[in-house]
Protein backbone atom coordinates (compact mmCIF):
# COMPACT_ATOMS: atom_id res chain seq x y z
CA MET A 1 -10.07 2.04 -26.12
CA PRO A 2 -10.75 0.77 -22.64
CA LYS A 3 -9.03 2.13 -19.71
CA ASN A 4 -7.60 -1.33 -18.64
CA SER A 5 -5.63 -1.37 -21.65
CA SER A 6 -1.67 -1.83 -21.76
CA ASP A 7 -0.14 0.78 -19.77
CA SER A 8 1.80 3.35 -22.20
CA ALA A 9 4.82 5.90 -21.31
CA ALA A 10 1.95 9.11 -20.96
CA ARG A 11 0.81 7.03 -17.90
CA TYR A 12 4.30 7.05 -16.35
CA ARG A 13 4.92 10.58 -17.45
CA LEU A 14 1.77 11.59 -15.86
CA ALA A 15 2.68 9.68 -12.49
CA GLU A 16 5.95 11.21 -12.40
CA ALA A 17 4.65 14.65 -13.03
CA LEU A 18 2.36 14.19 -10.10
CA LYS A 19 4.76 12.86 -7.60
CA LYS A 20 7.04 15.58 -8.42
CA ARG A 21 4.48 18.30 -8.04
CA LEU A 22 3.33 16.21 -4.56
CA SER A 23 6.89 17.19 -3.10
CA TYR A 24 6.07 20.90 -2.99
CA MET A 25 2.74 21.39 -3.53
CA PRO A 26 -0.74 19.96 -1.72
CA LEU A 27 -2.61 17.57 -4.04
CA GLU A 28 -5.68 19.90 -3.65
CA LYS A 29 -3.70 22.88 -5.44
CA ILE A 30 -2.43 20.57 -8.42
CA THR A 31 -4.12 20.60 -11.85
CA ILE A 32 -4.54 18.28 -14.92
CA LYS A 33 -3.33 21.45 -16.72
CA GLN A 34 -0.37 21.64 -14.79
CA LEU A 35 0.51 18.06 -15.15
CA THR A 36 -0.26 17.82 -18.51
CA ASP A 37 1.85 20.73 -19.51
CA ASP A 38 4.34 19.27 -17.23
CA CYS A 39 4.47 16.47 -19.69
CA GLY A 40 4.25 17.94 -22.83
CA LEU A 41 0.62 16.33 -23.14
CA ASN A 42 -2.95 17.67 -23.91
CA ARG A 43 -5.74 17.07 -21.35
CA GLN A 44 -7.48 14.84 -23.77
CA THR A 45 -4.50 12.47 -22.94
CA PHE A 46 -4.67 12.45 -19.63
CA TYR A 47 -8.45 11.77 -19.69
CA TYR A 48 -7.92 8.65 -21.83
CA HIS A 49 -5.99 7.01 -19.10
CA PHE A 50 -7.50 8.59 -15.90
CA ASP A 51 -10.99 9.46 -14.74
CA ASP A 52 -9.51 12.29 -12.40
CA ILE A 53 -6.37 13.05 -10.36
CA TYR A 54 -7.32 10.80 -7.57
CA ASP A 55 -7.31 7.91 -10.21
CA LEU A 56 -4.06 8.88 -11.23
CA LEU A 57 -3.16 8.95 -7.90
CA LYS A 58 -4.49 5.44 -7.18
CA TRP A 59 -3.29 4.02 -10.32
CA LEU A 60 0.65 5.72 -8.94
CA PHE A 61 0.57 3.82 -5.88
CA GLU A 62 -0.37 0.71 -7.24
CA TRP A 63 2.28 0.80 -9.92
CA GLU A 64 5.06 2.13 -7.50
CA ALA A 65 3.83 -0.59 -4.93
CA GLU A 66 4.44 -3.65 -7.45
CA THR A 67 7.32 -2.24 -8.76
CA ALA A 68 9.26 -1.62 -5.31
CA VAL A 69 7.75 -4.52 -3.20
CA HIS A 70 6.24 -7.24 -5.65
CA LEU A 71 3.31 -7.95 -3.11
CA HIS A 72 2.25 -11.04 -5.00
CA ASP A 73 5.80 -12.47 -5.27
CA VAL A 74 5.20 -15.62 -3.49
CA SER A 75 8.82 -16.50 -3.11
CA VAL A 76 9.58 -13.86 -0.92
CA SER A 77 8.65 -13.90 3.22
CA TRP A 78 6.02 -11.48 4.30
CA LYS A 79 8.88 -9.91 6.50
CA ASP A 80 11.12 -9.44 3.33
CA THR A 81 7.82 -8.10 1.54
CA MET A 82 7.44 -5.71 4.59
CA ARG A 83 10.77 -4.47 4.90
CA LYS A 84 10.53 -3.42 1.29
CA MET A 85 7.29 -1.52 1.96
CA LEU A 86 8.89 0.13 4.72
CA LYS A 87 11.56 0.91 2.70
CA TYR A 88 9.77 2.53 -0.34
CA LEU A 89 7.51 4.99 2.44
CA SER A 90 10.72 5.79 4.06
CA ASP A 91 12.43 6.73 0.47
CA ASN A 92 8.89 8.48 -0.79
CA LYS A 93 8.04 9.76 3.05
CA ARG A 94 7.67 13.47 1.23
CA PHE A 95 5.19 12.05 -1.27
CA CYS A 96 3.10 10.10 0.98
CA VAL A 97 3.08 12.41 3.85
CA SER A 98 2.13 15.35 1.21
CA VAL A 99 -0.86 12.91 0.27
CA LEU A 100 -1.66 11.87 3.73
CA ASN A 101 -2.24 15.42 4.80
CA SER A 102 -4.38 16.21 1.78
CA VAL A 103 -7.91 15.24 0.91
CA GLY A 104 -6.27 12.39 -1.21
CA HIS A 105 -5.19 10.49 1.92
CA ARG A 106 -8.14 7.99 1.92
CA HIS A 107 -5.85 6.91 -1.31
CA VAL A 108 -2.80 6.28 1.01
CA SER A 109 -5.02 4.87 3.62
CA ARG A 110 -6.84 2.39 1.03
CA PHE A 111 -3.40 1.26 -0.35
CA LEU A 112 -1.84 0.94 3.00
CA LEU A 113 -5.35 -1.52 4.21
CA ASP A 114 -4.84 -3.58 0.76
CA PHE A 115 -1.10 -3.92 1.21
CA MET A 116 -1.71 -5.40 5.00
CA SER A 117 -4.50 -7.31 3.67
CA THR A 118 -2.46 -9.65 1.60
CA LEU A 119 0.68 -9.23 3.89
CA THR A 120 -1.80 -10.75 6.72
CA GLU A 121 -2.96 -13.58 4.44
CA LYS A 122 0.93 -14.49 4.14
CA ILE A 123 1.33 -14.28 7.70
CA ILE A 124 -1.15 -16.63 8.94
CA SER A 125 -0.47 -19.05 5.82
CA ASP A 126 3.16 -19.07 6.97
CA CYS A 127 1.97 -19.48 10.38
CA MET A 128 -0.38 -22.15 9.85
CA GLU A 129 2.24 -24.28 7.82
CA GLU A 130 5.18 -23.66 10.44
CA TYR A 131 2.49 -25.23 13.09
CA GLY A 132 1.01 -27.74 11.11
CA ILE A 133 -2.50 -26.42 11.08
CA ALA A 134 -4.71 -27.33 8.37
CA PRO A 135 -7.13 -24.77 7.93
CA ALA A 136 -10.81 -26.09 8.20
CA GLU A 137 -13.85 -24.36 6.29
CA SER A 138 -15.21 -23.35 9.59
CA ASP A 139 -12.22 -21.22 10.10
CA ARG A 140 -12.63 -18.99 7.37
CA GLU A 141 -14.89 -16.69 9.10
CA PHE A 142 -12.25 -16.25 11.99
CA ALA A 143 -9.33 -15.78 8.81
CA ASP A 144 -11.25 -13.07 7.13
CA PHE A 145 -12.10 -11.30 10.84
CA PHE A 146 -8.36 -11.47 11.62
CA ILE A 147 -7.18 -10.32 8.22
CA ASP A 148 -9.48 -7.10 8.65
CA PHE A 149 -8.76 -6.08 12.21
CA TYR A 150 -5.06 -6.58 11.64
CA SER A 151 -4.71 -5.16 8.43
CA GLY A 152 -6.70 -2.33 9.36
CA ALA A 153 -4.59 -1.98 13.03
CA ALA A 154 -1.06 -2.39 10.92
CA ALA A 155 -2.00 -0.19 8.41
CA LEU A 156 -2.96 2.66 10.79
CA MET A 157 0.28 2.02 12.56
CA ILE A 158 2.28 2.22 9.21
CA GLU A 159 0.33 5.86 8.69
CA ARG A 160 1.10 7.11 12.37
CA ARG A 161 4.71 5.94 11.66
CA LEU A 162 4.78 7.98 8.43
CA LEU A 163 3.52 11.25 10.30
CA ASP A 164 6.34 10.73 13.01
CA GLU A 165 3.67 10.12 15.55
CA ILE A 166 5.10 6.80 16.85
CA LYS A 167 8.66 5.82 16.83
CA LEU A 168 9.52 2.34 15.83
CA THR A 169 12.43 0.89 13.62
CA ASP A 170 11.55 -1.61 10.66
CA ASP A 171 12.45 -4.22 12.61
CA GLN A 172 10.68 -3.36 15.75
CA LEU A 173 7.25 -2.79 13.68
CA ILE A 174 7.91 -6.23 12.22
CA ALA A 175 8.71 -8.02 15.34
CA TYR A 176 5.63 -6.59 17.09
CA ILE A 177 3.13 -7.50 14.41
CA GLU A 178 4.60 -10.72 14.12
CA LYS A 179 3.91 -11.31 18.32
CA ILE A 180 0.48 -10.06 17.75
CA ALA A 181 -0.31 -12.05 15.15
CA VAL A 182 1.21 -15.49 15.57
CA ASN A 183 0.24 -15.40 19.43
CA ASN A 184 -3.52 -14.83 18.01
CA ILE A 185 -3.57 -17.40 15.67
CA LYS A 186 -1.71 -19.95 18.41
CA GLY A 187 -4.35 -18.53 20.91
CA TYR A 188 -7.16 -19.57 18.58
CA TYR A 189 -6.03 -22.81 17.88
CA SER A 190 -5.09 -23.50 21.42
CA LEU A 191 -1.31 -24.10 21.08
């Protein structure tokens, strides 16, 4: 059966086992045997659903983000989506920091970058709608650059905040992201 088939209870049990272990163990020390033993499953079941622990970790972030944040819900403002994400990260800080401090850190980084890419698209769309800007096809290159640039910068700021390297409240972080994004969009269109 292909790995993209409908999710089963085993996936969720393995994900919860990984998350629990990450609260007190570094990722590098966690084995598939430990996870399957925690769930009462066998290794074959693990490999039926995932290629390795990193594949499970990636799936765990995607599942939890969609469950907690509803990133693709177009009826929710980008600010509310961002607040939900920041709350998720705060509520799961130990887990996220454990992964950030491990060899699996690229999964958290990639997850945050993907999240911010989707959110930055919402910011651009909302801003253009607010200022009555009709995007031209020639603006696509700028929009793609803007999304890549600001997504990377915002994702890094969120990582640094998780690691307590910067002290910003949720509202401050959201306000700064909005101010920088809106000012740059307005500047590009000479508004």
